Amino acid sequence: MSKPILYYDDRSPPVRSCLMLIKMLNIDVELRFVDLFRGEQFEKEYLALNPQHSVPTLIHDEVILTDSHVILIYLVEQFEGDGTLWPKDSLARLKVLNRLFFECSFLFRRDSDLMSEIVRKKYANVDVAFHERKLLEAYDFMEQYLSEQQYMAGEQLTLADVSIVTTVSTVNLMFPLTTTSEQRWPQLQRWFATMQQLDAYKVNRIGLEKLRQIVEQFGQFEFPSQALDKAA
């Protein structure tokens, strides 16, 4: 079996979730950088692999996957031994899958809409209040998820947490959990602090800082200083 190849730009939250998992499972992966901000995802060779012109893309032998959530599942099925990140119990697994769909169709979409608009229009031309309402609603949902359990899909760390944390950290750049409302999301703040203590979170922190810099450059503004995700 050959070494998996991951096409990536670590400024992307979905990419960072895959990189975190690769770090957690110590998978030997060949990384190939695709610069989204220079349009390298539209090059003919890359489009032949991924017509959606998105990252990440994973190639492993005959397998080609172009969605981060599917890549997470594939990698954990191939390389995790104990089945804790992707539970073996069917009901527990469905709960993880439900949270992965939440991240994909709701949380990331709202975050991507905001960041893309800042890059395209410049911050001064963006209806930030509109995006704030949308994203704080997502914070409310996650607070509810965490109200009776330690992690997003239960009492142990799963793929749901790995997928969600990279997007939460990105939203946190604009709407810091610790400053927008100290009492509104205590469980989400607790969970986020726990995730930041993972060794693999360092991978997210590196890409997040790169994203902060490039979005500020294109958007001609600065994110709130309270949101900076620094090492503990």
Protein backbone atom coordinates (compact mmCIF):
# COMPACT_ATOMS: atom_id res chain seq x y z
CA MET A 1 0.00 0.00 0.00
CA SER A 2 1.38 3.41 -0.97
CA LYS A 3 1.69 6.49 1.20
CA PRO A 4 -1.43 8.70 1.26
CA ILE A 5 -1.12 12.05 -0.51
CA LEU A 6 -2.94 15.07 0.91
CA TYR A 7 -3.40 18.19 -1.18
CA TYR A 8 -3.82 20.99 1.31
CA ASP A 9 -3.76 24.65 2.24
CA ASP A 10 -3.62 24.82 6.02
CA ARG A 11 -5.39 28.19 6.06
CA SER A 12 -8.54 26.14 5.39
CA PRO A 13 -10.34 24.84 8.52
CA PRO A 14 -11.34 21.51 6.90
CA VAL A 15 -7.72 20.94 5.93
CA ARG A 16 -6.59 21.67 9.46
CA SER A 17 -8.94 19.03 10.84
CA CYS A 18 -7.31 16.44 8.56
CA LEU A 19 -3.84 17.60 9.55
CA MET A 20 -4.77 17.35 13.23
CA LEU A 21 -5.96 13.78 12.76
CA ILE A 22 -2.84 12.87 10.81
CA LYS A 23 -0.80 14.19 13.72
CA MET A 24 -2.91 12.36 16.31
CA LEU A 25 -2.60 9.01 14.51
CA ASN A 26 1.01 9.59 13.43
CA ILE A 27 0.19 8.79 9.79
CA ASP A 28 2.97 9.03 7.23
CA VAL A 29 1.45 11.31 4.59
CA GLU A 30 2.90 13.14 1.60
CA LEU A 31 1.72 16.76 1.71
CA ARG A 32 1.27 18.79 -1.47
CA PHE A 33 0.46 22.47 -1.01
CA VAL A 34 -2.29 24.09 -3.10
CA ASP A 35 -2.30 27.89 -2.64
CA LEU A 36 -5.96 28.87 -2.57
CA PHE A 37 -5.21 32.58 -2.53
CA ARG A 38 -3.20 32.28 -5.75
CA GLY A 39 -5.83 30.21 -7.48
CA GLU A 40 -3.77 27.03 -7.74
CA GLN A 41 -6.93 25.00 -7.10
CA PHE A 42 -8.09 25.98 -10.61
CA GLU A 43 -5.08 24.56 -12.40
CA LYS A 44 -5.93 21.87 -14.94
CA GLU A 45 -3.98 19.12 -13.20
CA TYR A 46 -5.71 19.74 -9.88
CA LEU A 47 -9.18 20.02 -11.43
CA ALA A 48 -8.67 16.58 -12.93
CA LEU A 49 -8.38 15.26 -9.37
CA ASN A 50 -11.00 17.47 -7.78
CA PRO A 51 -13.49 19.23 -10.09
CA GLN A 52 -14.88 21.07 -7.05
CA HIS A 53 -11.53 22.94 -6.88
CA SER A 54 -11.46 22.66 -3.10
CA VAL A 55 -9.08 21.37 -0.46
CA PRO A 56 -8.37 18.96 1.04
CA THR A 57 -8.06 16.16 -1.49
CA LEU A 58 -6.72 12.78 -0.42
CA ILE A 59 -5.29 10.16 -2.78
CA HIS A 60 -4.46 6.72 -1.46
CA ASP A 61 -3.88 3.99 -4.01
CA GLU A 62 -7.14 3.90 -6.02
CA VAL A 63 -9.05 6.07 -3.57
CA ILE A 64 -9.64 9.78 -4.30
CA LEU A 65 -11.59 11.73 -1.66
CA THR A 66 -12.49 15.43 -1.85
CA ASP A 67 -14.41 16.11 1.38
CA SER A 68 -12.65 16.60 4.70
CA HIS A 69 -15.28 14.69 6.68
CA VAL A 70 -15.02 11.66 4.44
CA ILE A 71 -11.22 11.93 4.59
CA LEU A 72 -11.37 11.95 8.40
CA ILE A 73 -13.52 8.81 8.39
CA TYR A 74 -11.31 7.08 5.85
CA LEU A 75 -8.09 7.86 7.70
CA VAL A 76 -9.44 6.73 11.05
CA GLU A 77 -10.80 3.51 9.55
CA GLN A 78 -7.45 2.81 7.93
CA PHE A 79 -5.08 3.87 10.69
CA GLU A 80 -6.80 3.97 14.10
CA GLY A 81 -6.69 0.77 16.09
CA ASP A 82 -8.94 1.24 19.13
CA GLY A 83 -12.00 2.82 17.51
CA THR A 84 -12.46 5.69 19.96
CA LEU A 85 -12.39 8.58 17.50
CA TRP A 86 -14.87 6.76 15.23
CA PRO A 87 -16.85 4.53 17.62
CA LYS A 88 -17.60 0.94 16.73
CA ASP A 89 -21.07 1.13 18.30
CA SER A 90 -23.55 2.07 15.56
CA LEU A 91 -25.61 4.55 17.60
CA ALA A 92 -22.51 6.31 18.92
CA ARG A 93 -21.14 6.46 15.39
CA LEU A 94 -24.37 8.00 14.10
CA LYS A 95 -24.09 10.73 16.72
CA VAL A 96 -20.58 11.53 15.52
CA LEU A 97 -21.80 11.54 11.94
CA ASN A 98 -24.63 13.89 12.86
CA ARG A 99 -22.13 16.38 14.28
CA LEU A 100 -19.94 16.05 11.19
CA PHE A 101 -22.92 17.00 9.06
CA PHE A 102 -23.59 19.95 11.39
CA GLU A 103 -20.04 21.16 10.85
CA CYS A 104 -20.22 20.64 7.10
CA SER A 105 -23.64 22.05 6.26
CA PHE A 106 -24.13 24.64 8.98
CA LEU A 107 -21.09 25.81 10.94
CA PHE A 108 -18.44 25.79 8.22
CA ARG A 109 -20.83 27.19 5.62
CA ARG A 110 -21.60 30.21 7.79
CA ASP A 111 -17.95 30.74 8.63
CA SER A 112 -16.91 30.41 4.99
CA ASP A 113 -19.56 32.91 3.90
CA LEU A 114 -18.12 35.50 6.30
CA MET A 115 -14.45 34.97 5.52
CA SER A 116 -15.01 34.81 1.76
CA GLU A 117 -17.02 38.02 1.83
CA ILE A 118 -14.30 39.82 3.78
CA VAL A 119 -11.69 38.72 1.25
CA ARG A 120 -13.81 39.63 -1.79
CA LYS A 121 -15.44 42.86 -0.61
CA LYS A 122 -13.06 44.20 2.05
CA TYR A 123 -14.19 44.32 5.68
CA ALA A 124 -15.64 47.83 5.45
CA ASN A 125 -18.21 46.62 2.92
CA VAL A 126 -19.37 43.53 4.83
CA ASP A 127 -22.54 43.35 6.91
CA VAL A 128 -20.73 42.01 9.95
CA ALA A 129 -23.82 42.21 12.17
CA PHE A 130 -25.66 39.83 9.84
CA HIS A 131 -22.85 37.26 10.00
CA GLU A 132 -22.56 37.73 13.76
CA ARG A 133 -26.19 36.73 14.25
CA LYS A 134 -25.67 33.64 12.11
CA LEU A 135 -22.48 32.52 13.83
CA LEU A 136 -23.52 33.26 17.40
CA GLU A 137 -26.55 31.10 16.71
CA ALA A 138 -24.10 28.30 15.87
CA TYR A 139 -22.35 28.94 19.20
CA ASP A 140 -25.76 28.54 20.89
CA PHE A 141 -26.32 25.17 19.23
CA MET A 142 -22.90 23.89 20.28
CA GLU A 143 -23.48 25.10 23.83
CA GLN A 144 -26.60 22.98 23.87
CA TYR A 145 -24.71 19.97 22.51
CA LEU A 146 -22.21 20.30 25.34
CA SER A 147 -24.71 20.96 28.12
CA GLU A 148 -24.86 17.30 29.19
CA GLN A 149 -21.65 15.81 27.81
CA GLN A 150 -17.93 16.57 27.73
CA TYR A 151 -17.43 16.48 23.97
CA MET A 152 -19.48 17.26 20.89
CA ALA A 153 -20.73 13.70 20.39
CA GLY A 154 -20.43 12.14 23.82
CA GLU A 155 -18.12 11.66 26.77
CA GLN A 156 -14.97 11.04 24.74
CA LEU A 157 -13.05 12.80 22.02
CA THR A 158 -14.20 11.84 18.51
CA LEU A 159 -13.87 12.94 14.90
CA ALA A 160 -16.69 15.40 15.59
CA ASP A 161 -14.45 17.41 17.90
CA VAL A 162 -11.50 17.31 15.52
CA SER A 163 -13.67 18.58 12.67
CA ILE A 164 -15.53 21.23 14.62
CA VAL A 165 -12.64 22.77 16.56
CA THR A 166 -10.80 24.07 13.50
CA THR A 167 -13.89 25.97 12.37
CA VAL A 168 -14.71 27.22 15.86
CA SER A 169 -11.17 28.57 16.17
CA THR A 170 -11.68 30.43 12.88
CA VAL A 171 -15.02 31.93 13.91
CA ASN A 172 -13.36 32.87 17.19
CA LEU A 173 -11.03 35.18 15.28
CA MET A 174 -13.96 37.45 14.51
CA PHE A 175 -16.29 36.72 17.43
CA PRO A 176 -14.16 35.72 20.44
CA LEU A 177 -15.86 33.33 22.80
CA THR A 178 -14.26 34.96 25.82
CA THR A 179 -15.30 38.52 25.04
CA THR A 180 -18.62 38.45 23.20
CA SER A 181 -20.45 37.12 26.26
CA GLU A 182 -18.65 35.65 29.23
CA GLN A 183 -21.73 33.77 30.49
CA ARG A 184 -23.49 32.78 27.29
CA TRP A 185 -21.34 29.78 26.30
CA PRO A 186 -19.54 28.41 29.39
CA GLN A 187 -19.56 24.82 28.14
CA LEU A 188 -18.32 25.79 24.69
CA GLN A 189 -15.52 27.80 26.27
CA ARG A 190 -14.62 24.82 28.45
CA TRP A 191 -14.59 22.47 25.47
CA PHE A 192 -12.53 24.87 23.35
CA ALA A 193 -9.94 25.25 26.11
CA THR A 194 -9.72 21.46 26.41
CA MET A 195 -9.20 21.08 22.68
CA GLN A 196 -6.47 23.71 22.70
CA GLN A 197 -4.48 21.56 25.13
CA LEU A 198 -4.18 18.68 22.65
CA ASP A 199 -0.70 18.22 21.19
CA ALA A 200 -2.25 18.00 17.72
CA TYR A 201 -3.91 21.40 18.18
CA LYS A 202 -0.54 23.01 17.45
CA VAL A 203 -1.13 22.06 13.81
CA ASN A 204 -4.37 24.04 13.83
CA ARG A 205 -2.73 27.01 15.52
CA ILE A 206 -0.12 27.32 12.74
CA GLY A 207 -2.67 27.34 9.93
CA LEU A 208 -5.02 29.61 11.85
CA GLU A 209 -2.33 32.27 12.20
CA LYS A 210 -1.63 32.07 8.46
CA LEU A 211 -5.35 32.54 7.78
CA ARG A 212 -5.56 35.50 10.14
CA GLN A 213 -2.73 37.25 8.33
CA ILE A 214 -4.04 36.69 4.81
CA VAL A 215 -7.65 37.63 5.61
CA GLU A 216 -6.49 40.80 7.35
CA GLN A 217 -4.35 41.62 4.31
CA PHE A 218 -7.16 41.13 1.80
CA GLY A 219 -9.87 42.55 4.05
CA GLN A 220 -7.84 45.59 5.08
CA PHE A 221 -8.64 45.33 8.80
CA GLU A 222 -7.51 43.59 11.99
CA PHE A 223 -9.29 40.87 13.92
CA PRO A 224 -9.96 41.58 17.63
CA SER A 225 -6.75 41.17 19.60
CA GLN A 226 -8.61 39.12 22.23
CA ALA A 227 -9.18 36.40 19.65
CA LEU A 228 -5.54 35.56 19.04
CA ASP A 229 -5.08 31.84 19.59
CA LYS A 230 -1.78 31.68 21.41
CA ALA A 231 -0.01 28.70 22.91
CA ALA A 232 -0.82 28.10 26.54
